[in-house]
């Protein structure tokens, strides 16, 4: 077999991996979930000659209670309902990607608007809300983690033009009382929680009343991988 006459440059490889990561973060279920995102991160860090960067990030997540034996997904299992937390997990990896300069948001909020969002969103989440309520109040997200079909849960991330500010994340769920029931009970995904900040994971999460009602109990079995 004749070898190729030329190979992609390092810049081309890096750009391709960044594009693939952004696609995987937006549609994690289609790309293989947390493991697929981890592999793309490993490749990018290898290309950038920073292979130890993720180990430091993982240690920080462990200290915050955002890492478990099965990765970030395990932290969400004790807080939010559902058998899959791909979109929730993707939002956490997106924050790491943002700090590395890899994340490509669809829009960013002006600093004043983002400050106002952070200042009032926890009070705003004291009432039950839906996907439509979130976008009507705060506009289209900077990043939509998940598809546009309202029958499925998704996660919305809002970024400031100031890269030093945290992403404000809205975690939405759709489902039914029975794990295998289809279609879901709701026409719009329900807002379960708002999350932002670099402190302990559970303190960064504000549950809506619906989130409190649907919060998993310790008696619930761990869903299969």
C-alpha atoms as a PDB file:
ATOM      1  CA  UNK A   1       0.000   0.000   0.000  1.00  0.00           C
ATOM      2  CA  UNK A   2       1.420   3.353  -1.022  1.00  0.00           C
ATOM      3  CA  UNK A   3       1.746   5.753   1.937  1.00  0.00           C
ATOM      4  CA  UNK A   4       0.131   9.190   1.604  1.00  0.00           C
ATOM      5  CA  UNK A   5       2.376  11.819   0.112  1.00  0.00           C
ATOM      6  CA  UNK A   6       1.559  14.244   2.907  1.00  0.00           C
ATOM      7  CA  UNK A   7      -0.115  14.206   6.308  1.00  0.00           C
ATOM      8  CA  UNK A   8      -2.262  16.774   8.052  1.00  0.00           C
ATOM      9  CA  UNK A   9      -0.337  19.455   9.902  1.00  0.00           C
ATOM     10  CA  UNK A  10      -0.399  19.704  13.660  1.00  0.00           C
ATOM     11  CA  UNK A  11      -2.593  22.792  13.332  1.00  0.00           C
ATOM     12  CA  UNK A  12      -5.052  20.904  11.117  1.00  0.00           C
ATOM     13  CA  UNK A  13      -5.176  17.985  13.560  1.00  0.00           C
ATOM     14  CA  UNK A  14      -5.732  20.321  16.492  1.00  0.00           C
ATOM     15  CA  UNK A  15      -8.493  22.211  14.697  1.00  0.00           C
ATOM     16  CA  UNK A  16     -10.219  18.978  13.715  1.00  0.00           C
ATOM     17  CA  UNK A  17     -10.158  17.688  17.297  1.00  0.00           C
ATOM     18  CA  UNK A  18     -11.548  20.978  18.620  1.00  0.00           C
ATOM     19  CA  UNK A  19     -14.411  20.773  16.117  1.00  0.00           C
ATOM     20  CA  UNK A  20     -15.131  17.166  17.059  1.00  0.00           C
ATOM     21  CA  UNK A  21     -15.098  18.026  20.753  1.00  0.00           C
ATOM     22  CA  UNK A  22     -17.631  20.802  20.248  1.00  0.00           C
ATOM     23  CA  UNK A  23     -19.894  18.411  18.363  1.00  0.00           C
ATOM     24  CA  UNK A  24     -19.545  15.728  21.043  1.00  0.00           C
ATOM     25  CA  UNK A  25     -20.359  18.203  23.814  1.00  0.00           C
ATOM     26  CA  UNK A  26     -23.531  19.327  22.042  1.00  0.00           C
ATOM     27  CA  UNK A  27     -24.745  15.802  21.201  1.00  0.00           C
ATOM     28  CA  UNK A  28     -23.013  13.595  23.772  1.00  0.00           C
ATOM     29  CA  UNK A  29     -25.444  10.706  23.423  1.00  0.00           C
ATOM     30  CA  UNK A  30     -24.727  10.376  19.706  1.00  0.00           C
ATOM     31  CA  UNK A  31     -20.961  10.443  20.225  1.00  0.00           C
ATOM     32  CA  UNK A  32     -20.666   7.996  23.103  1.00  0.00           C
ATOM     33  CA  UNK A  33     -21.174  10.063  26.241  1.00  0.00           C
ATOM     34  CA  UNK A  34     -18.547  10.841  28.829  1.00  0.00           C
ATOM     35  CA  UNK A  35     -16.009   8.320  27.558  1.00  0.00           C
ATOM     36  CA  UNK A  36     -16.001   9.823  24.054  1.00  0.00           C
ATOM     37  CA  UNK A  37     -15.492  13.311  25.456  1.00  0.00           C
ATOM     38  CA  UNK A  38     -12.640  12.055  27.636  1.00  0.00           C
ATOM     39  CA  UNK A  39     -10.902  10.493  24.631  1.00  0.00           C
ATOM     40  CA  UNK A  40     -11.135  13.727  22.648  1.00  0.00           C
ATOM     41  CA  UNK A  41      -9.742  15.665  25.601  1.00  0.00           C
ATOM     42  CA  UNK A  42      -6.843  13.236  25.893  1.00  0.00           C
ATOM     43  CA  UNK A  43      -6.035  13.639  22.201  1.00  0.00           C
ATOM     44  CA  UNK A  44      -6.172  17.427  22.400  1.00  0.00           C
ATOM     45  CA  UNK A  45      -3.966  17.566  25.471  1.00  0.00           C
ATOM     46  CA  UNK A  46      -1.479  15.226  23.779  1.00  0.00           C
ATOM     47  CA  UNK A  47      -1.323  17.503  20.733  1.00  0.00           C
ATOM     48  CA  UNK A  48      -0.821  20.515  23.014  1.00  0.00           C
ATOM     49  CA  UNK A  49       1.822  18.648  25.034  1.00  0.00           C
ATOM     50  CA  UNK A  50      -0.144  19.099  28.256  1.00  0.00           C
ATOM     51  CA  UNK A  51      -1.023  15.485  29.122  1.00  0.00           C
ATOM     52  CA  UNK A  52      -1.118  16.199  32.861  1.00  0.00           C
ATOM     53  CA  UNK A  53      -3.725  18.983  32.626  1.00  0.00           C
ATOM     54  CA  UNK A  54      -6.716  16.668  32.945  1.00  0.00           C
ATOM     55  CA  UNK A  55      -5.280  14.915  36.003  1.00  0.00           C
ATOM     56  CA  UNK A  56      -5.157  18.277  37.764  1.00  0.00           C
ATOM     57  CA  UNK A  57      -8.733  19.004  36.678  1.00  0.00           C
ATOM     58  CA  UNK A  58      -9.912  15.644  37.936  1.00  0.00           C
ATOM     59  CA  UNK A  59      -8.307  16.294  41.320  1.00  0.00           C
ATOM     60  CA  UNK A  60     -10.149  19.601  41.544  1.00  0.00           C
ATOM     61  CA  UNK A  61     -13.424  17.877  40.683  1.00  0.00           C
ATOM     62  CA  UNK A  62     -12.773  15.239  43.328  1.00  0.00           C
ATOM     63  CA  UNK A  63     -12.225  17.941  45.927  1.00  0.00           C
ATOM     64  CA  UNK A  64     -15.508  19.584  44.909  1.00  0.00           C
ATOM     65  CA  UNK A  65     -17.485  16.323  44.973  1.00  0.00           C
ATOM     66  CA  UNK A  66     -17.882  16.387  41.197  1.00  0.00           C
ATOM     67  CA  UNK A  67     -16.001  13.168  40.454  1.00  0.00           C
ATOM     68  CA  UNK A  68     -16.778   9.544  41.269  1.00  0.00           C
ATOM     69  CA  UNK A  69     -15.558   6.072  40.421  1.00  0.00           C
ATOM     70  CA  UNK A  70     -17.508   6.307  37.155  1.00  0.00           C
ATOM     71  CA  UNK A  71     -16.515   9.891  36.384  1.00  0.00           C
ATOM     72  CA  UNK A  72     -18.582  13.054  36.500  1.00  0.00           C
ATOM     73  CA  UNK A  73     -21.807  11.168  35.768  1.00  0.00           C
ATOM     74  CA  UNK A  74     -21.731   9.523  39.183  1.00  0.00           C
ATOM     75  CA  UNK A  75     -21.918  12.886  40.934  1.00  0.00           C
ATOM     76  CA  UNK A  76     -25.145  13.761  39.119  1.00  0.00           C
ATOM     77  CA  UNK A  77     -26.847  10.448  39.903  1.00  0.00           C
ATOM     78  CA  UNK A  78     -27.294  11.466  43.521  1.00  0.00           C
ATOM     79  CA  UNK A  79     -28.725  14.889  42.641  1.00  0.00           C
ATOM     80  CA  UNK A  80     -30.863  14.678  39.495  1.00  0.00           C
ATOM     81  CA  UNK A  81     -33.278  11.982  38.228  1.00  0.00           C
ATOM     82  CA  UNK A  82     -32.884   9.993  35.048  1.00  0.00           C
ATOM     83  CA  UNK A  83     -30.958   7.036  33.709  1.00  0.00           C
ATOM     84  CA  UNK A  84     -28.661   9.154  31.571  1.00  0.00           C
ATOM     85  CA  UNK A  85     -26.798  12.311  32.540  1.00  0.00           C
ATOM     86  CA  UNK A  86     -24.884  12.796  29.302  1.00  0.00           C
ATOM     87  CA  UNK A  87     -25.979  16.414  28.829  1.00  0.00           C
ATOM     88  CA  UNK A  88     -25.344  17.313  32.466  1.00  0.00           C
ATOM     89  CA  UNK A  89     -21.881  15.780  32.273  1.00  0.00           C
ATOM     90  CA  UNK A  90     -21.136  17.517  28.978  1.00  0.00           C
ATOM     91  CA  UNK A  91     -21.726  20.902  30.610  1.00  0.00           C
ATOM     92  CA  UNK A  92     -19.014  20.162  33.177  1.00  0.00           C
ATOM     93  CA  UNK A  93     -16.491  19.123  30.526  1.00  0.00           C
ATOM     94  CA  UNK A  94     -17.455  22.224  28.549  1.00  0.00           C
ATOM     95  CA  UNK A  95     -16.272  24.368  31.452  1.00  0.00           C
ATOM     96  CA  UNK A  96     -12.885  22.679  31.221  1.00  0.00           C
ATOM     97  CA  UNK A  97     -12.907  23.173  27.440  1.00  0.00           C
ATOM     98  CA  UNK A  98     -13.747  26.849  27.961  1.00  0.00           C
ATOM     99  CA  UNK A  99     -10.705  27.359  30.173  1.00  0.00           C
ATOM    100  CA  UNK A 100      -8.520  25.626  27.571  1.00  0.00           C
ATOM    101  CA  UNK A 101      -9.838  27.897  24.818  1.00  0.00           C
ATOM    102  CA  UNK A 102     -11.537  25.056  22.934  1.00  0.00           C
ATOM    103  CA  UNK A 103     -15.233  25.776  23.480  1.00  0.00           C
ATOM    104  CA  UNK A 104     -17.030  27.562  20.628  1.00  0.00           C
ATOM    105  CA  UNK A 105     -20.215  29.121  22.035  1.00  0.00           C
ATOM    106  CA  UNK A 106     -23.108  30.089  19.792  1.00  0.00           C
ATOM    107  CA  UNK A 107     -23.429  33.413  21.622  1.00  0.00           C
ATOM    108  CA  UNK A 108     -22.120  35.154  24.726  1.00  0.00           C
ATOM    109  CA  UNK A 109     -23.852  37.569  27.065  1.00  0.00           C
ATOM    110  CA  UNK A 110     -22.575  41.035  27.701  1.00  0.00           C
ATOM    111  CA  UNK A 111     -20.893  41.222  31.091  1.00  0.00           C
ATOM    112  CA  UNK A 112     -23.674  43.310  32.614  1.00  0.00           C
ATOM    113  CA  UNK A 113     -26.347  40.888  31.419  1.00  0.00           C
ATOM    114  CA  UNK A 114     -24.419  37.877  32.678  1.00  0.00           C
ATOM    115  CA  UNK A 115     -23.862  39.536  36.063  1.00  0.00           C
ATOM    116  CA  UNK A 116     -27.594  40.233  36.284  1.00  0.00           C
ATOM    117  CA  UNK A 117     -28.364  36.622  35.369  1.00  0.00           C
ATOM    118  CA  UNK A 118     -26.128  35.274  38.106  1.00  0.00           C
ATOM    119  CA  UNK A 119     -27.545  37.737  40.589  1.00  0.00           C
ATOM    120  CA  UNK A 120     -31.166  36.688  40.184  1.00  0.00           C
ATOM    121  CA  UNK A 121     -31.254  33.184  38.720  1.00  0.00           C
ATOM    122  CA  UNK A 122     -31.313  31.314  42.034  1.00  0.00           C
ATOM    123  CA  UNK A 123     -34.347  33.304  43.184  1.00  0.00           C
ATOM    124  CA  UNK A 124     -35.924  32.860  39.759  1.00  0.00           C
ATOM    125  CA  UNK A 125     -35.509  29.083  40.092  1.00  0.00           C
ATOM    126  CA  UNK A 126     -37.527  29.074  43.310  1.00  0.00           C
ATOM    127  CA  UNK A 127     -40.573  28.418  41.099  1.00  0.00           C
ATOM    128  CA  UNK A 128     -41.137  25.561  38.670  1.00  0.00           C
ATOM    129  CA  UNK A 129     -40.003  26.421  35.139  1.00  0.00           C
ATOM    130  CA  UNK A 130     -39.773  24.788  31.706  1.00  0.00           C
ATOM    131  CA  UNK A 131     -37.365  24.988  28.773  1.00  0.00           C
ATOM    132  CA  UNK A 132     -39.567  27.628  27.158  1.00  0.00           C
ATOM    133  CA  UNK A 133     -39.529  29.688  30.361  1.00  0.00           C
ATOM    134  CA  UNK A 134     -35.713  29.676  30.469  1.00  0.00           C
ATOM    135  CA  UNK A 135     -35.253  30.830  26.884  1.00  0.00           C
ATOM    136  CA  UNK A 136     -38.049  33.395  27.132  1.00  0.00           C
ATOM    137  CA  UNK A 137     -36.384  34.911  30.203  1.00  0.00           C
ATOM    138  CA  UNK A 138     -32.708  34.673  29.258  1.00  0.00           C
ATOM    139  CA  UNK A 139     -32.643  34.140  25.500  1.00  0.00           C
ATOM    140  CA  UNK A 140     -30.975  31.387  23.508  1.00  0.00           C
ATOM    141  CA  UNK A 141     -28.167  29.611  25.354  1.00  0.00           C
ATOM    142  CA  UNK A 142     -24.497  29.979  24.599  1.00  0.00           C
ATOM    143  CA  UNK A 143     -24.348  26.207  24.266  1.00  0.00           C
ATOM    144  CA  UNK A 144     -27.221  23.734  23.953  1.00  0.00           C
ATOM    145  CA  UNK A 145     -26.149  20.363  25.327  1.00  0.00           C
ATOM    146  CA  UNK A 146     -28.579  17.930  23.713  1.00  0.00           C
ATOM    147  CA  UNK A 147     -30.979  18.102  20.791  1.00  0.00           C
ATOM    148  CA  UNK A 148     -33.885  20.413  20.070  1.00  0.00           C
ATOM    149  CA  UNK A 149     -36.579  17.749  20.518  1.00  0.00           C
ATOM    150  CA  UNK A 150     -38.649  18.766  23.578  1.00  0.00           C
ATOM    151  CA  UNK A 151     -39.390  15.139  24.417  1.00  0.00           C
ATOM    152  CA  UNK A 152     -35.821  14.740  25.655  1.00  0.00           C
ATOM    153  CA  UNK A 153     -33.949  16.352  28.501  1.00  0.00           C
ATOM    154  CA  UNK A 154     -31.164  18.815  27.798  1.00  0.00           C
ATOM    155  CA  UNK A 155     -28.828  21.265  29.457  1.00  0.00           C
ATOM    156  CA  UNK A 156     -28.414  24.963  28.642  1.00  0.00           C
ATOM    157  CA  UNK A 157     -25.216  26.898  29.298  1.00  0.00           C
ATOM    158  CA  UNK A 158     -24.931  30.707  29.400  1.00  0.00           C
ATOM    159  CA  UNK A 159     -21.523  32.357  29.046  1.00  0.00           C
ATOM    160  CA  UNK A 160     -20.273  35.874  29.627  1.00  0.00           C
ATOM    161  CA  UNK A 161     -18.096  37.801  27.209  1.00  0.00           C
ATOM    162  CA  UNK A 162     -15.716  37.916  30.185  1.00  0.00           C
ATOM    163  CA  UNK A 163     -14.025  34.482  30.050  1.00  0.00           C
ATOM    164  CA  UNK A 164     -13.266  34.661  33.759  1.00  0.00           C
ATOM    165  CA  UNK A 165     -16.939  34.419  34.702  1.00  0.00           C
ATOM    166  CA  UNK A 166     -18.542  31.011  35.343  1.00  0.00           C
ATOM    167  CA  UNK A 167     -21.001  29.373  33.002  1.00  0.00           C
ATOM    168  CA  UNK A 168     -24.587  29.443  34.304  1.00  0.00           C
ATOM    169  CA  UNK A 169     -26.103  26.044  33.608  1.00  0.00           C
ATOM    170  CA  UNK A 170     -29.766  25.013  33.483  1.00  0.00           C
ATOM    171  CA  UNK A 171     -30.447  21.288  33.864  1.00  0.00           C
ATOM    172  CA  UNK A 172     -33.727  20.158  32.284  1.00  0.00           C
ATOM    173  CA  UNK A 173     -35.403  16.757  32.352  1.00  0.00           C
ATOM    174  CA  UNK A 174     -38.265  15.038  30.582  1.00  0.00           C
ATOM    175  CA  UNK A 175     -39.558  11.622  31.406  1.00  0.00           C
ATOM    176  CA  UNK A 176     -42.295   9.687  33.129  1.00  0.00           C
ATOM    177  CA  UNK A 177     -42.925   7.846  36.367  1.00  0.00           C
ATOM    178  CA  UNK A 178     -42.046   4.539  34.699  1.00  0.00           C
ATOM    179  CA  UNK A 179     -38.435   4.231  33.558  1.00  0.00           C
ATOM    180  CA  UNK A 180     -39.438   2.707  30.198  1.00  0.00           C
ATOM    181  CA  UNK A 181     -42.594   4.750  29.570  1.00  0.00           C
ATOM    182  CA  UNK A 182     -42.815   6.549  26.226  1.00  0.00           C
ATOM    183  CA  UNK A 183     -43.675   9.217  25.289  1.00  0.00           C
ATOM    184  CA  UNK A 184     -42.789  11.368  28.328  1.00  0.00           C
ATOM    185  CA  UNK A 185     -45.478  12.976  30.439  1.00  0.00           C
ATOM    186  CA  UNK A 186     -44.514  16.549  29.555  1.00  0.00           C
ATOM    187  CA  UNK A 187     -44.596  18.584  26.347  1.00  0.00           C
ATOM    188  CA  UNK A 188     -41.603  20.641  27.512  1.00  0.00           C
ATOM    189  CA  UNK A 189     -38.574  19.576  29.555  1.00  0.00           C
ATOM    190  CA  UNK A 190     -38.840  20.649  33.182  1.00  0.00           C
ATOM    191  CA  UNK A 191     -36.144  22.718  34.859  1.00  0.00           C
ATOM    192  CA  UNK A 192     -34.741  20.733  37.770  1.00  0.00           C
ATOM    193  CA  UNK A 193     -31.703  22.755  38.771  1.00  0.00           C
ATOM    194  CA  UNK A 194     -29.476  25.741  38.104  1.00  0.00           C
ATOM    195  CA  UNK A 195     -25.737  25.367  38.621  1.00  0.00           C
ATOM    196  CA  UNK A 196     -22.802  27.749  38.610  1.00  0.00           C
ATOM    197  CA  UNK A 197     -19.686  28.506  40.604  1.00  0.00           C
ATOM    198  CA  UNK A 198     -16.408  26.801  41.473  1.00  0.00           C
ATOM    199  CA  UNK A 199     -17.261  25.809  45.031  1.00  0.00           C
ATOM    200  CA  UNK A 200     -18.439  22.411  46.309  1.00  0.00           C
ATOM    201  CA  UNK A 201     -20.685  20.753  43.743  1.00  0.00           C
ATOM    202  CA  UNK A 202     -23.801  20.442  45.881  1.00  0.00           C
ATOM    203  CA  UNK A 203     -23.561  24.051  47.004  1.00  0.00           C
ATOM    204  CA  UNK A 204     -23.320  25.180  43.386  1.00  0.00           C
ATOM    205  CA  UNK A 205     -26.652  23.514  42.571  1.00  0.00           C
ATOM    206  CA  UNK A 206     -30.001  25.174  43.242  1.00  0.00           C
ATOM    207  CA  UNK A 207     -32.917  22.773  42.822  1.00  0.00           C
ATOM    208  CA  UNK A 208     -36.300  24.000  41.658  1.00  0.00           C
ATOM    209  CA  UNK A 209     -39.381  22.698  43.516  1.00  0.00           C
ATOM    210  CA  UNK A 210     -39.718  20.060  40.771  1.00  0.00           C
ATOM    211  CA  UNK A 211     -36.081  19.145  41.258  1.00  0.00           C
ATOM    212  CA  UNK A 212     -36.648  18.698  44.966  1.00  0.00           C
ATOM    213  CA  UNK A 213     -39.671  16.485  44.332  1.00  0.00           C
ATOM    214  CA  UNK A 214     -37.789  14.299  41.876  1.00  0.00           C
ATOM    215  CA  UNK A 215     -34.463  14.207  43.708  1.00  0.00           C
ATOM    216  CA  UNK A 216     -33.113  10.636  43.809  1.00  0.00           C
ATOM    217  CA  UNK A 217     -33.078   8.788  47.101  1.00  0.00           C
ATOM    218  CA  UNK A 218     -30.254   6.656  48.421  1.00  0.00           C
ATOM    219  CA  UNK A 219     -32.524   3.635  48.023  1.00  0.00           C
ATOM    220  CA  UNK A 220     -32.661   4.024  44.266  1.00  0.00           C
ATOM    221  CA  UNK A 221     -30.402   1.567  42.410  1.00  0.00           C
ATOM    222  CA  UNK A 222     -27.518   2.808  40.319  1.00  0.00           C
ATOM    223  CA  UNK A 223     -28.559   2.643  36.655  1.00  0.00           C
ATOM    224  CA  UNK A 224     -26.651   0.277  34.383  1.00  0.00           C
ATOM    225  CA  UNK A 225     -23.790   1.637  32.309  1.00  0.00           C
END
